[in-house]
């Protein structure tokens, strides 16, 4: 799951100007998409507002790892319920 989340973040969220930013993450269809909305990691606007990761630059390796960690932690907590 972590590798798949990293791949999705790399393609959809990591670029400095993601395609369709604010609308690029579906609300369902994959656990990572659901987790992104639940953790405010669905678009660059939410990352800036809720996580303090500014828009306008490509996400660094540390920022990507942070986002993937938040997503995977949320999924793990949901599976434990």
PDB file of N, CA and C in Angstrom:
ATOM      1  N   UNK A   1       0.836  -1.189   0.000  1.00  0.00           N
ATOM      2  CA  UNK A   1       0.000   0.000   0.000  1.00  0.00           C
ATOM      3  C   UNK A   1       0.884   1.257   0.000  1.00  0.00           C
ATOM      4  N   UNK A   2       1.962   1.221   0.808  1.00  0.00           N
ATOM      5  CA  UNK A   2       2.855   2.379   0.900  1.00  0.00           C
ATOM      6  C   UNK A   2       3.468   2.715  -0.468  1.00  0.00           C
ATOM      7  N   UNK A   3       3.896   1.697  -1.188  1.00  0.00           N
ATOM      8  CA  UNK A   3       4.495   1.936  -2.507  1.00  0.00           C
ATOM      9  C   UNK A   3       3.465   2.515  -3.474  1.00  0.00           C
ATOM     10  N   UNK A   4       2.238   2.021  -3.411  1.00  0.00           N
ATOM     11  CA  UNK A   4       1.195   2.538  -4.291  1.00  0.00           C
ATOM     12  C   UNK A   4       0.864   3.985  -3.922  1.00  0.00           C
ATOM     13  N   UNK A   5       0.800   4.276  -2.634  1.00  0.00           N
ATOM     14  CA  UNK A   5       0.552   5.651  -2.197  1.00  0.00           C
ATOM     15  C   UNK A   5       1.674   6.570  -2.681  1.00  0.00           C
ATOM     16  N   UNK A   6       2.904   6.120  -2.560  1.00  0.00           N
ATOM     17  CA  UNK A   6       4.047   6.934  -3.007  1.00  0.00           C
ATOM     18  C   UNK A   6       3.967   7.208  -4.509  1.00  0.00           C
ATOM     19  N   UNK A   7       3.570   6.200  -5.268  1.00  0.00           N
ATOM     20  CA  UNK A   7       3.431   6.371  -6.715  1.00  0.00           C
ATOM     21  C   UNK A   7       2.335   7.384  -7.047  1.00  0.00           C
ATOM     22  N   UNK A   8       1.181   7.265  -6.390  1.00  0.00           N
ATOM     23  CA  UNK A   8       0.081   8.206  -6.639  1.00  0.00           C
ATOM     24  C   UNK A   8       0.471   9.627  -6.238  1.00  0.00           C
ATOM     25  N   UNK A   9       1.123   9.797  -5.104  1.00  0.00           N
ATOM     26  CA  UNK A   9       1.546  11.124  -4.658  1.00  0.00           C
ATOM     27  C   UNK A   9       2.560  11.702  -5.639  1.00  0.00           C
ATOM     28  N   UNK A  10       3.489  10.874  -6.085  1.00  0.00           N
ATOM     29  CA  UNK A  10       4.491  11.338  -7.044  1.00  0.00           C
ATOM     30  C   UNK A  10       3.898  11.835  -8.342  1.00  0.00           C
ATOM     31  N   UNK A  11       2.856  11.181  -8.805  1.00  0.00           N
ATOM     32  CA  UNK A  11       2.233  11.548 -10.079  1.00  0.00           C
ATOM     33  C   UNK A  11       1.203  12.673  -9.948  1.00  0.00           C
ATOM     34  N   UNK A  12       0.415  12.668  -8.873  1.00  0.00           N
ATOM     35  CA  UNK A  12      -0.740  13.564  -8.773  1.00  0.00           C
ATOM     36  C   UNK A  12      -0.540  14.782  -7.886  1.00  0.00           C
ATOM     37  N   UNK A  13       0.406  14.727  -6.942  1.00  0.00           N
ATOM     38  CA  UNK A  13       0.502  15.791  -5.956  1.00  0.00           C
ATOM     39  C   UNK A  13       1.882  16.447  -5.913  1.00  0.00           C
ATOM     40  N   UNK A  14       2.924  15.702  -6.256  1.00  0.00           N
ATOM     41  CA  UNK A  14       4.290  16.190  -6.093  1.00  0.00           C
ATOM     42  C   UNK A  14       4.717  17.296  -7.060  1.00  0.00           C
ATOM     43  N   UNK A  15       4.209  17.349  -8.295  1.00  0.00           N
ATOM     44  CA  UNK A  15       4.662  18.420  -9.191  1.00  0.00           C
ATOM     45  C   UNK A  15       4.367  19.811  -8.630  1.00  0.00           C
ATOM     46  N   UNK A  16       5.169  20.781  -9.033  1.00  0.00           N
ATOM     47  CA  UNK A  16       4.988  22.158  -8.556  1.00  0.00           C
ATOM     48  C   UNK A  16       3.605  22.693  -8.921  1.00  0.00           C
ATOM     49  N   UNK A  17       3.114  22.333 -10.079  1.00  0.00           N
ATOM     50  CA  UNK A  17       1.795  22.755 -10.551  1.00  0.00           C
ATOM     51  C   UNK A  17       1.024  21.517 -11.014  1.00  0.00           C
ATOM     52  N   UNK A  18       0.446  20.752 -10.086  1.00  0.00           N
ATOM     53  CA  UNK A  18      -0.267  19.522 -10.478  1.00  0.00           C
ATOM     54  C   UNK A  18      -1.423  19.811 -11.434  1.00  0.00           C
ATOM     55  N   UNK A  19      -1.607  18.907 -12.368  1.00  0.00           N
ATOM     56  CA  UNK A  19      -2.720  19.016 -13.313  1.00  0.00           C
ATOM     57  C   UNK A  19      -4.035  18.940 -12.546  1.00  0.00           C
ATOM     58  N   UNK A  20      -4.959  19.842 -12.838  1.00  0.00           N
ATOM     59  CA  UNK A  20      -6.284  19.887 -12.200  1.00  0.00           C
ATOM     60  C   UNK A  20      -6.196  19.989 -10.675  1.00  0.00           C
ATOM     61  N   UNK A  21      -5.237  20.760 -10.177  1.00  0.00           N
ATOM     62  CA  UNK A  21      -5.065  20.860  -8.731  1.00  0.00           C
ATOM     63  C   UNK A  21      -6.364  21.282  -8.067  1.00  0.00           C
ATOM     64  N   UNK A  22      -6.720  20.576  -7.020  1.00  0.00           N
ATOM     65  CA  UNK A  22      -7.978  20.811  -6.329  1.00  0.00           C
ATOM     66  C   UNK A  22      -9.082  19.894  -6.806  1.00  0.00           C
ATOM     67  N   UNK A  23      -8.851  19.226  -7.940  1.00  0.00           N
ATOM     68  CA  UNK A  23      -9.851  18.303  -8.486  1.00  0.00           C
ATOM     69  C   UNK A  23      -9.207  16.996  -8.941  1.00  0.00           C
ATOM     70  N   UNK A  24      -7.931  16.796  -8.612  1.00  0.00           N
ATOM     71  CA  UNK A  24      -7.222  15.636  -9.144  1.00  0.00           C
ATOM     72  C   UNK A  24      -7.432  14.349  -8.353  1.00  0.00           C
ATOM     73  N   UNK A  25      -8.006  14.443  -7.169  1.00  0.00           N
ATOM     74  CA  UNK A  25      -8.156  13.258  -6.329  1.00  0.00           C
ATOM     75  C   UNK A  25      -9.630  12.864  -6.221  1.00  0.00           C
ATOM     76  N   UNK A  26      -9.986  11.691  -6.758  1.00  0.00           N
ATOM     77  CA  UNK A  26     -11.368  11.224  -6.625  1.00  0.00           C
ATOM     78  C   UNK A  26     -11.720  10.989  -5.155  1.00  0.00           C
ATOM     79  N   UNK A  27     -12.990  10.986  -4.846  1.00  0.00           N
ATOM     80  CA  UNK A  27     -13.436  10.764  -3.473  1.00  0.00           C
ATOM     81  C   UNK A  27     -13.513   9.283  -3.125  1.00  0.00           C
ATOM     82  N   UNK A  28     -13.520   8.414  -4.103  1.00  0.00           N
ATOM     83  CA  UNK A  28     -13.602   6.977  -3.837  1.00  0.00           C
ATOM     84  C   UNK A  28     -12.914   6.226  -4.958  1.00  0.00           C
ATOM     85  N   UNK A  29     -12.874   4.908  -4.814  1.00  0.00           N
ATOM     86  CA  UNK A  29     -12.272   4.085  -5.857  1.00  0.00           C
ATOM     87  C   UNK A  29     -10.963   3.450  -5.439  1.00  0.00           C
ATOM     88  N   UNK A  30     -10.304   4.011  -4.441  1.00  0.00           N
ATOM     89  CA  UNK A  30      -9.040   3.462  -3.958  1.00  0.00           C
ATOM     90  C   UNK A  30      -8.841   3.934  -2.528  1.00  0.00           C
ATOM     91  N   UNK A  31      -8.348   3.076  -1.648  1.00  0.00           N
ATOM     92  CA  UNK A  31      -8.155   3.486  -0.245  1.00  0.00           C
ATOM     93  C   UNK A  31      -7.268   4.724  -0.084  1.00  0.00           C
ATOM     94  N   UNK A  32      -6.298   4.888  -0.962  1.00  0.00           N
ATOM     95  CA  UNK A  32      -5.422   6.057  -0.867  1.00  0.00           C
ATOM     96  C   UNK A  32      -6.207   7.331  -1.142  1.00  0.00           C
ATOM     97  N   UNK A  33      -7.122   7.300  -2.099  1.00  0.00           N
ATOM     98  CA  UNK A  33      -7.929   8.492  -2.402  1.00  0.00           C
ATOM     99  C   UNK A  33      -8.788   8.877  -1.204  1.00  0.00           C
ATOM    100  N   UNK A  34      -9.416   7.896  -0.586  1.00  0.00           N
ATOM    101  CA  UNK A  34     -10.248   8.156   0.597  1.00  0.00           C
ATOM    102  C   UNK A  34      -9.383   8.745   1.705  1.00  0.00           C
ATOM    103  N   UNK A  35      -8.215   8.154   1.921  1.00  0.00           N
ATOM    104  CA  UNK A  35      -7.299   8.633   2.962  1.00  0.00           C
ATOM    105  C   UNK A  35      -6.808  10.044   2.678  1.00  0.00           C
ATOM    106  N   UNK A  36      -6.576  10.360   1.422  1.00  0.00           N
ATOM    107  CA  UNK A  36      -6.134  11.711   1.078  1.00  0.00           C
ATOM    108  C   UNK A  36      -7.174  12.745   1.496  1.00  0.00           C
ATOM    109  N   UNK A  37      -8.424  12.469   1.246  1.00  0.00           N
ATOM    110  CA  UNK A  37      -9.466  13.421   1.631  1.00  0.00           C
ATOM    111  C   UNK A  37      -9.625  13.471   3.148  1.00  0.00           C
ATOM    112  N   UNK A  38      -9.506  12.339   3.801  1.00  0.00           N
ATOM    113  CA  UNK A  38      -9.657  12.289   5.256  1.00  0.00           C
ATOM    114  C   UNK A  38      -8.516  13.002   5.979  1.00  0.00           C
ATOM    115  N   UNK A  39      -7.351  13.076   5.346  1.00  0.00           N
ATOM    116  CA  UNK A  39      -6.175  13.658   5.994  1.00  0.00           C
ATOM    117  C   UNK A  39      -5.754  15.003   5.402  1.00  0.00           C
ATOM    118  N   UNK A  40      -6.565  15.560   4.533  1.00  0.00           N
ATOM    119  CA  UNK A  40      -6.259  16.850   3.885  1.00  0.00           C
ATOM    120  C   UNK A  40      -4.931  16.803   3.136  1.00  0.00           C
ATOM    121  N   UNK A  41      -4.716  15.686   2.417  1.00  0.00           N
ATOM    122  CA  UNK A  41      -3.543  15.565   1.553  1.00  0.00           C
ATOM    123  C   UNK A  41      -3.976  15.341   0.102  1.00  0.00           C
ATOM    124  N   UNK A  42      -5.144  15.843  -0.231  1.00  0.00           N
ATOM    125  CA  UNK A  42      -5.746  15.592  -1.538  1.00  0.00           C
ATOM    126  C   UNK A  42      -5.300  16.576  -2.617  1.00  0.00           C
ATOM    127  N   UNK A  43      -4.867  17.770  -2.231  1.00  0.00           N
ATOM    128  CA  UNK A  43      -4.439  18.768  -3.215  1.00  0.00           C
ATOM    129  C   UNK A  43      -3.418  19.695  -2.570  1.00  0.00           C
ATOM    130  N   UNK A  44      -2.790  20.509  -3.393  1.00  0.00           N
ATOM    131  CA  UNK A  44      -1.757  21.397  -2.859  1.00  0.00           C
ATOM    132  C   UNK A  44      -2.352  22.467  -1.951  1.00  0.00           C
ATOM    133  N   UNK A  45      -3.587  22.870  -2.195  1.00  0.00           N
ATOM    134  CA  UNK A  45      -4.247  23.844  -1.323  1.00  0.00           C
ATOM    135  C   UNK A  45      -4.428  23.297   0.086  1.00  0.00           C
ATOM    136  N   UNK A  46      -4.881  22.051   0.183  1.00  0.00           N
ATOM    137  CA  UNK A  46      -5.048  21.421   1.506  1.00  0.00           C
ATOM    138  C   UNK A  46      -3.697  21.196   2.172  1.00  0.00           C
ATOM    139  N   UNK A  47      -2.698  20.799   1.387  1.00  0.00           N
ATOM    140  CA  UNK A  47      -1.367  20.630   1.977  1.00  0.00           C
ATOM    141  C   UNK A  47      -0.861  21.943   2.566  1.00  0.00           C
ATOM    142  N   UNK A  48      -1.099  23.038   1.872  1.00  0.00           N
ATOM    143  CA  UNK A  48      -0.652  24.343   2.370  1.00  0.00           C
ATOM    144  C   UNK A  48      -1.441  24.749   3.615  1.00  0.00           C
ATOM    145  N   UNK A  49      -2.748  24.598   3.561  1.00  0.00           N
ATOM    146  CA  UNK A  49      -3.598  25.052   4.661  1.00  0.00           C
ATOM    147  C   UNK A  49      -3.436  24.204   5.921  1.00  0.00           C
ATOM    148  N   UNK A  50      -3.431  22.889   5.773  1.00  0.00           N
ATOM    149  CA  UNK A  50      -3.476  21.997   6.926  1.00  0.00           C
ATOM    150  C   UNK A  50      -2.131  21.423   7.348  1.00  0.00           C
ATOM    151  N   UNK A  51      -1.164  21.401   6.425  1.00  0.00           N
ATOM    152  CA  UNK A  51       0.114  20.773   6.740  1.00  0.00           C
ATOM    153  C   UNK A  51       1.303  21.726   6.600  1.00  0.00           C
ATOM    154  N   UNK A  52       1.050  22.946   6.155  1.00  0.00           N
ATOM    155  CA  UNK A  52       2.126  23.931   6.052  1.00  0.00           C
ATOM    156  C   UNK A  52       3.128  23.667   4.942  1.00  0.00           C
ATOM    157  N   UNK A  53       2.720  22.914   3.920  1.00  0.00           N
ATOM    158  CA  UNK A  53       3.592  22.636   2.779  1.00  0.00           C
ATOM    159  C   UNK A  53       3.166  23.565   1.648  1.00  0.00           C
ATOM    160  N   UNK A  54       3.977  24.545   1.375  1.00  0.00           N
ATOM    161  CA  UNK A  54       3.638  25.611   0.428  1.00  0.00           C
ATOM    162  C   UNK A  54       3.436  25.085  -0.994  1.00  0.00           C
ATOM    163  N   UNK A  55       2.585  25.794  -1.716  1.00  0.00           N
ATOM    164  CA  UNK A  55       2.364  25.527  -3.136  1.00  0.00           C
ATOM    165  C   UNK A  55       3.543  26.069  -3.940  1.00  0.00           C
ATOM    166  N   UNK A  56       3.584  25.704  -5.228  1.00  0.00           N
ATOM    167  CA  UNK A  56       4.501  26.335  -6.170  1.00  0.00           C
ATOM    168  C   UNK A  56       5.889  25.730  -6.252  1.00  0.00           C
ATOM    169  N   UNK A  57       6.141  24.639  -5.582  1.00  0.00           N
ATOM    170  CA  UNK A  57       7.417  23.944  -5.720  1.00  0.00           C
ATOM    171  C   UNK A  57       7.154  22.446  -5.750  1.00  0.00           C
ATOM    172  N   UNK A  58       8.036  21.719  -6.406  1.00  0.00           N
ATOM    173  CA  UNK A  58       7.895  20.264  -6.410  1.00  0.00           C
ATOM    174  C   UNK A  58       8.147  19.759  -4.997  1.00  0.00           C
ATOM    175  N   UNK A  59       7.345  18.811  -4.560  1.00  0.00           N
ATOM    176  CA  UNK A  59       7.525  18.275  -3.225  1.00  0.00           C
ATOM    177  C   UNK A  59       8.895  17.608  -3.100  1.00  0.00           C
ATOM    178  N   UNK A  60       9.571  17.876  -2.005  1.00  0.00           N
ATOM    179  CA  UNK A  60      10.863  17.254  -1.744  1.00  0.00           C
ATOM    180  C   UNK A  60      10.643  15.797  -1.336  1.00  0.00           C
ATOM    181  N   UNK A  61      11.715  15.050  -1.266  1.00  0.00           N
ATOM    182  CA  UNK A  61      11.618  13.655  -0.835  1.00  0.00           C
ATOM    183  C   UNK A  61      11.066  13.572   0.584  1.00  0.00           C
ATOM    184  N   UNK A  62      11.482  14.479   1.454  1.00  0.00           N
ATOM    185  CA  UNK A  62      10.966  14.480   2.829  1.00  0.00           C
ATOM    186  C   UNK A  62       9.481  14.808   2.873  1.00  0.00           C
ATOM    187  N   UNK A  63       9.043  15.767   2.057  1.00  0.00           N
ATOM    188  CA  UNK A  63       7.623  16.125   2.011  1.00  0.00           C
ATOM    189  C   UNK A  63       6.786  14.974   1.469  1.00  0.00           C
ATOM    190  N   UNK A  64       7.289  14.302   0.450  1.00  0.00           N
ATOM    191  CA  UNK A  64       6.581  13.139  -0.102  1.00  0.00           C
ATOM    192  C   UNK A  64       6.464  12.048   0.961  1.00  0.00           C
ATOM    193  N   UNK A  65       7.557  11.784   1.656  1.00  0.00           N
ATOM    194  CA  UNK A  65       7.552  10.755   2.697  1.00  0.00           C
ATOM    195  C   UNK A  65       6.567  11.115   3.808  1.00  0.00           C
ATOM    196  N   UNK A  66       6.504  12.394   4.162  1.00  0.00           N
ATOM    197  CA  UNK A  66       5.562  12.848   5.184  1.00  0.00           C
ATOM    198  C   UNK A  66       4.122  12.575   4.737  1.00  0.00           C
ATOM    199  N   UNK A  67       3.782  12.967   3.511  1.00  0.00           N
ATOM    200  CA  UNK A  67       2.422  12.788   2.994  1.00  0.00           C
ATOM    201  C   UNK A  67       2.061  11.306   2.943  1.00  0.00           C
ATOM    202  N   UNK A  68       2.957  10.498   2.422  1.00  0.00           N
ATOM    203  CA  UNK A  68       2.700   9.053   2.359  1.00  0.00           C
ATOM    204  C   UNK A  68       2.528   8.487   3.766  1.00  0.00           C
ATOM    205  N   UNK A  69       3.330   8.942   4.713  1.00  0.00           N
ATOM    206  CA  UNK A  69       3.206   8.493   6.096  1.00  0.00           C
ATOM    207  C   UNK A  69       1.863   8.839   6.700  1.00  0.00           C
ATOM    208  N   UNK A  70       1.399  10.056   6.466  1.00  0.00           N
ATOM    209  CA  UNK A  70       0.094  10.480   6.983  1.00  0.00           C
ATOM    210  C   UNK A  70      -1.008   9.598   6.402  1.00  0.00           C
ATOM    211  N   UNK A  71      -0.948   9.358   5.115  1.00  0.00           N
ATOM    212  CA  UNK A  71      -1.955   8.534   4.442  1.00  0.00           C
ATOM    213  C   UNK A  71      -1.939   7.107   4.982  1.00  0.00           C
ATOM    214  N   UNK A  72      -0.753   6.509   5.057  1.00  0.00           N
ATOM    215  CA  UNK A  72      -0.649   5.120   5.510  1.00  0.00           C
ATOM    216  C   UNK A  72      -1.019   4.972   6.984  1.00  0.00           C
ATOM    217  N   UNK A  73      -0.684   5.950   7.799  1.00  0.00           N
ATOM    218  CA  UNK A  73      -1.099   5.911   9.211  1.00  0.00           C
ATOM    219  C   UNK A  73      -2.622   5.931   9.324  1.00  0.00           C
ATOM    220  N   UNK A  74      -3.271   6.769   8.524  1.00  0.00           N
ATOM    221  CA  UNK A  74      -4.740   6.845   8.574  1.00  0.00           C
ATOM    222  C   UNK A  74      -5.344   5.509   8.136  1.00  0.00           C
ATOM    223  N   UNK A  75      -4.823   4.925   7.058  1.00  0.00           N
ATOM    224  CA  UNK A  75      -5.345   3.649   6.585  1.00  0.00           C
ATOM    225  C   UNK A  75      -5.153   2.571   7.651  1.00  0.00           C
ATOM    226  N   UNK A  76      -3.994   2.527   8.270  1.00  0.00           N
ATOM    227  CA  UNK A  76      -3.721   1.532   9.314  1.00  0.00           C
ATOM    228  C   UNK A  76      -4.694   1.686  10.483  1.00  0.00           C
ATOM    229  N   UNK A  77      -4.980   2.915  10.867  1.00  0.00           N
ATOM    230  CA  UNK A  77      -5.928   3.142  11.955  1.00  0.00           C
ATOM    231  C   UNK A  77      -7.341   2.695  11.576  1.00  0.00           C
ATOM    232  N   UNK A  78      -7.710   2.898  10.329  1.00  0.00           N
ATOM    233  CA  UNK A  78      -9.035   2.469   9.877  1.00  0.00           C
ATOM    234  C   UNK A  78      -9.143   0.944   9.849  1.00  0.00           C
ATOM    235  N   UNK A  79      -8.070   0.274   9.501  1.00  0.00           N
ATOM    236  CA  UNK A  79      -8.084  -1.187   9.458  1.00  0.00           C
ATOM    237  C   UNK A  79      -8.099  -1.798  10.852  1.00  0.00           C
ATOM    238  N   UNK A  80      -7.596  -1.054  11.829  1.00  0.00           N
ATOM    239  CA  UNK A  80      -7.544  -1.560  13.207  1.00  0.00           C
ATOM    240  C   UNK A  80      -8.884  -1.464  13.910  1.00  0.00           C
ATOM    241  N   UNK A  81      -9.808  -0.702  13.347  1.00  0.00           N
ATOM    242  CA  UNK A  81     -11.110  -0.503  13.998  1.00  0.00           C
ATOM    243  C   UNK A  81     -11.977  -1.729  13.886  1.00  0.00           C
TER     244      UNK A  81
END
